[in-house]
Amino acid sequence: MKRHVILLLSIYALCIVPVSLLWSRPVVLSAYLAVISVFLLGRWHSKGDVLFYAVAFMPGPVGEAIAVRSGVWVYSNLCG
């Protein structure tokens, strides 16, 4: 049990720490998270999970890009 908790916390850190450090470099952050996602999906999930992830993966970012482009909401880089 303790080993499992340490593994899960390590995976959590592998996802959260880069978001905190790379938020101002979205392309690098996206690439990093894509690699982590592929690894985790390949390691611990079934084909159905991978299919569900893939189906949600495309329309989510595309819909967000369309909404931002059309002015529904905006993102601002306050540090840049």
C-alpha atoms as a PDB file:
ATOM      1  CA  MET A   1       0.000   0.000   0.000  1.00  0.00           C
ATOM      2  CA  LYS A   2       2.730   2.484   0.966  1.00  0.00           C
ATOM      3  CA  ARG A   3       4.632   1.738  -2.251  1.00  0.00           C
ATOM      4  CA  HIS A   4       1.483   2.294  -4.310  1.00  0.00           C
ATOM      5  CA  VAL A   5       0.856   5.671  -2.660  1.00  0.00           C
ATOM      6  CA  ILE A   6       4.457   6.721  -3.356  1.00  0.00           C
ATOM      7  CA  LEU A   7       4.039   5.705  -7.009  1.00  0.00           C
ATOM      8  CA  LEU A   8       0.817   7.702  -7.364  1.00  0.00           C
ATOM      9  CA  LEU A   9       2.322  10.767  -5.698  1.00  0.00           C
ATOM     10  CA  SER A  10       5.331  10.526  -8.016  1.00  0.00           C
ATOM     11  CA  ILE A  11       3.082  10.420 -11.069  1.00  0.00           C
ATOM     12  CA  TYR A  12       1.133  13.375  -9.675  1.00  0.00           C
ATOM     13  CA  ALA A  13       4.382  15.322  -9.239  1.00  0.00           C
ATOM     14  CA  LEU A  14       5.441  14.436 -12.807  1.00  0.00           C
ATOM     15  CA  CYS A  15       2.250  16.130 -13.991  1.00  0.00           C
ATOM     16  CA  ILE A  16       1.877  19.081 -11.608  1.00  0.00           C
ATOM     17  CA  VAL A  17       5.461  20.318 -11.245  1.00  0.00           C
ATOM     18  CA  PRO A  18       5.999  20.854 -15.004  1.00  0.00           C
ATOM     19  CA  VAL A  19       2.673  22.714 -15.233  1.00  0.00           C
ATOM     20  CA  SER A  20       3.909  25.068 -12.516  1.00  0.00           C
ATOM     21  CA  LEU A  21       7.271  25.545 -14.205  1.00  0.00           C
ATOM     22  CA  LEU A  22       6.330  25.531 -17.906  1.00  0.00           C
ATOM     23  CA  TRP A  23       2.992  27.390 -17.934  1.00  0.00           C
ATOM     24  CA  SER A  24       4.555  30.267 -19.867  1.00  0.00           C
ATOM     25  CA  ARG A  25       5.787  27.890 -22.603  1.00  0.00           C
ATOM     26  CA  PRO A  26       2.574  26.181 -23.731  1.00  0.00           C
ATOM     27  CA  VAL A  27       4.060  24.282 -26.669  1.00  0.00           C
ATOM     28  CA  VAL A  28       6.772  22.715 -24.510  1.00  0.00           C
ATOM     29  CA  LEU A  29       4.273  21.971 -21.743  1.00  0.00           C
ATOM     30  CA  SER A  30       1.809  20.406 -24.187  1.00  0.00           C
ATOM     31  CA  ALA A  31       4.506  18.197 -25.670  1.00  0.00           C
ATOM     32  CA  TYR A  32       5.629  17.100 -22.203  1.00  0.00           C
ATOM     33  CA  LEU A  33       2.081  16.294 -21.085  1.00  0.00           C
ATOM     34  CA  ALA A  34       1.406  14.409 -24.338  1.00  0.00           C
ATOM     35  CA  VAL A  35       4.445  12.199 -23.716  1.00  0.00           C
ATOM     36  CA  ILE A  36       3.389  11.567 -20.105  1.00  0.00           C
ATOM     37  CA  SER A  37      -0.171  10.793 -21.262  1.00  0.00           C
ATOM     38  CA  VAL A  38       0.987   8.290 -23.870  1.00  0.00           C
ATOM     39  CA  PHE A  39       3.226   6.575 -21.335  1.00  0.00           C
ATOM     40  CA  LEU A  40       0.550   6.367 -18.634  1.00  0.00           C
ATOM     41  CA  LEU A  41      -2.180   5.263 -21.030  1.00  0.00           C
ATOM     42  CA  GLY A  42       0.070   2.605 -22.521  1.00  0.00           C
ATOM     43  CA  ARG A  43       1.198   1.359 -19.148  1.00  0.00           C
ATOM     44  CA  TRP A  44      -1.986   1.196 -17.073  1.00  0.00           C
ATOM     45  CA  HIS A  45      -5.104   1.515 -19.190  1.00  0.00           C
ATOM     46  CA  SER A  46      -7.177  -0.694 -21.448  1.00  0.00           C
ATOM     47  CA  LYS A  47      -7.824  -0.130 -25.144  1.00  0.00           C
ATOM     48  CA  GLY A  48     -11.258   1.259 -24.288  1.00  0.00           C
ATOM     49  CA  ASP A  49      -9.670   3.884 -22.055  1.00  0.00           C
ATOM     50  CA  VAL A  50      -7.246   4.842 -24.813  1.00  0.00           C
ATOM     51  CA  LEU A  51     -10.102   5.143 -27.320  1.00  0.00           C
ATOM     52  CA  PHE A  52     -12.098   7.324 -24.912  1.00  0.00           C
ATOM     53  CA  TYR A  53      -9.050   9.532 -24.338  1.00  0.00           C
ATOM     54  CA  ALA A  54      -8.374   9.841 -28.082  1.00  0.00           C
ATOM     55  CA  VAL A  55     -11.997  10.748 -28.858  1.00  0.00           C
ATOM     56  CA  ALA A  56     -11.949  13.498 -26.208  1.00  0.00           C
ATOM     57  CA  PHE A  57      -8.439  14.631 -27.128  1.00  0.00           C
ATOM     58  CA  MET A  58      -9.263  16.134 -30.520  1.00  0.00           C
ATOM     59  CA  PRO A  59     -12.554  18.000 -30.043  1.00  0.00           C
ATOM     60  CA  GLY A  60     -11.521  19.473 -26.680  1.00  0.00           C
ATOM     61  CA  PRO A  61      -8.556  21.565 -27.839  1.00  0.00           C
ATOM     62  CA  VAL A  62     -10.175  22.308 -31.208  1.00  0.00           C
ATOM     63  CA  GLY A  63     -13.326  23.589 -29.488  1.00  0.00           C
ATOM     64  CA  GLU A  64     -11.257  25.684 -27.112  1.00  0.00           C
ATOM     65  CA  ALA A  65      -9.252  27.178 -29.988  1.00  0.00           C
ATOM     66  CA  ILE A  66     -12.453  28.070 -31.839  1.00  0.00           C
ATOM     67  CA  ALA A  67     -13.975  29.639 -28.714  1.00  0.00           C
ATOM     68  CA  VAL A  68     -10.865  31.727 -28.014  1.00  0.00           C
ATOM     69  CA  ARG A  69     -10.546  32.768 -31.651  1.00  0.00           C
ATOM     70  CA  SER A  70     -14.176  33.862 -31.770  1.00  0.00           C
ATOM     71  CA  GLY A  71     -13.809  35.886 -28.570  1.00  0.00           C
ATOM     72  CA  VAL A  72     -15.916  33.763 -26.218  1.00  0.00           C
ATOM     73  CA  TRP A  73     -13.070  34.112 -23.716  1.00  0.00           C
ATOM     74  CA  VAL A  74      -9.464  35.203 -23.712  1.00  0.00           C
ATOM     75  CA  TYR A  75      -6.267  34.147 -22.045  1.00  0.00           C
ATOM     76  CA  SER A  76      -3.767  36.699 -20.887  1.00  0.00           C
ATOM     77  CA  ASN A  77      -0.118  36.271 -20.089  1.00  0.00           C
ATOM     78  CA  LEU A  78       0.283  38.760 -17.257  1.00  0.00           C
ATOM     79  CA  CYS A  79       4.034  38.141 -17.000  1.00  0.00           C
ATOM     80  CA  GLY A  80       4.857  38.576 -20.671  1.00  0.00           C
END
